[in-house]
Each structure stands twice: as structure tokens, then as C-alpha cells.
């Protein structure tokens, strides 16, 4: 039994090495250089979700679209929005990351102001008892979506600046959570419970990935 043990350990080590080699093809292990350019997995996932959403819009809107004289009325409108969003995404991808970091506080302030403005009667658009939209000509802006983007950018910039302090001082840890609470209160007045849950979960996940001890 003892003589066979080294052989078993050697086989286990060889299997572990093969497993790490296979993982290395998919994950940046060890001293591998960071990926550059467009993240293919992220882009592929986004395209898959967009395609699924388009199919769902097509299947769910045929009955309503007949009232507009075209069974693909909502599908065509959705494709128009996707095209505009794609063009905007190309522009956004060309903006340097340093600019987002530098403007993170400004984006957050704008988001807070928009969350207040949307609650003003006559300015915010009310649909089904919820006041979440701002009319921008033929389009509508859901303020909660912009607030989530601003919150993610601000938290990322904050973690980049204060990462070492976040692991030692609870005050630095509490600041992004306090901002989430302010956003949550404003969203609750709309009400927009979905955005509250997503914002809180995203910030907590970012803090965890940054190495912050959430139990401190």
C-alpha cells in the first residue's frame, strides 16, 4: 500500500496539471497578460441576450401590433432602438477609461438630480402609478437605468482610488453603501424596486471582488 502511494500521488498531480492547462485556455491564470480589445465572451453574451429579447418582443407583441396595421410594428421599433443603442455603444467604447474615472462623481451628481427631477409633477412621466421616465422628444429616459450606470462607474473609480484603505477603515467601506442608500430612497419614491435590488447587489459584489471584508 505504501509503495503504491507515490504512484497515486503522481497520477493525481499529473491530472491536476492537465486540468490547469485546460483551464489556462479559458481563464487568465498565473502571469498571463491581460486581455486586450473587445471581450468576445462579453460581446457574445450581450448579443445573445439582445437576440433573445427581440424574439420575445416579436412573440408577445403580434396581437397588439395588429392595431397599428403591421404585425411587426413593435419589432421594427425595437430594432430601431437597438440600432441607435449599438451606434451609441460604439461611441462609448472609444471613450478612454480614465475619462470615466475622472467624471464618475459628476455622473453620480447628475443621476441624483435626475432622480429628484423625475418626481416633480408635470416633468416626470407617470405610467401605471410609477413616475420613472423623463420625456426627451420622441424618446423616454428611464432615470433608474442611468442611475445604475452612474453608481457602477462611481464605485469602480472609488475602489480604484481607495482599495487599500477599504480593507482597513470601515468609514471608507461605508461611503459607497451610503450613496446606494440615498439612491434607493429616491428610487423607492418612484417606485422602482427592481433598480434598488440590482444597484445594491452590484455594489456589494464589486466590494467583495475588490477584496473588501464585508463583515468588518
Foldseek 3Di string as FASTA:
>chain_A
DVVCVVVVVVVVVVVVVVVVVVVVVPDVPDPRDDDDDDDPVVVVVVVVVLVVVLVVCLVPCQVVCVVVVDSCPVSVVSVVVVVVVVVVVVVVVPDDLVVLLVCLVVLLVVLLVVLVQQLDPPAFDDDPRFRQWGDDDVDIDRSLVSNLVSLLSNLVSLCVVCLVVLQPDVVSVCVSVVSLVSVCVSCVVRPDVPSSVVSVVSSVVVCVVSVHDPVD
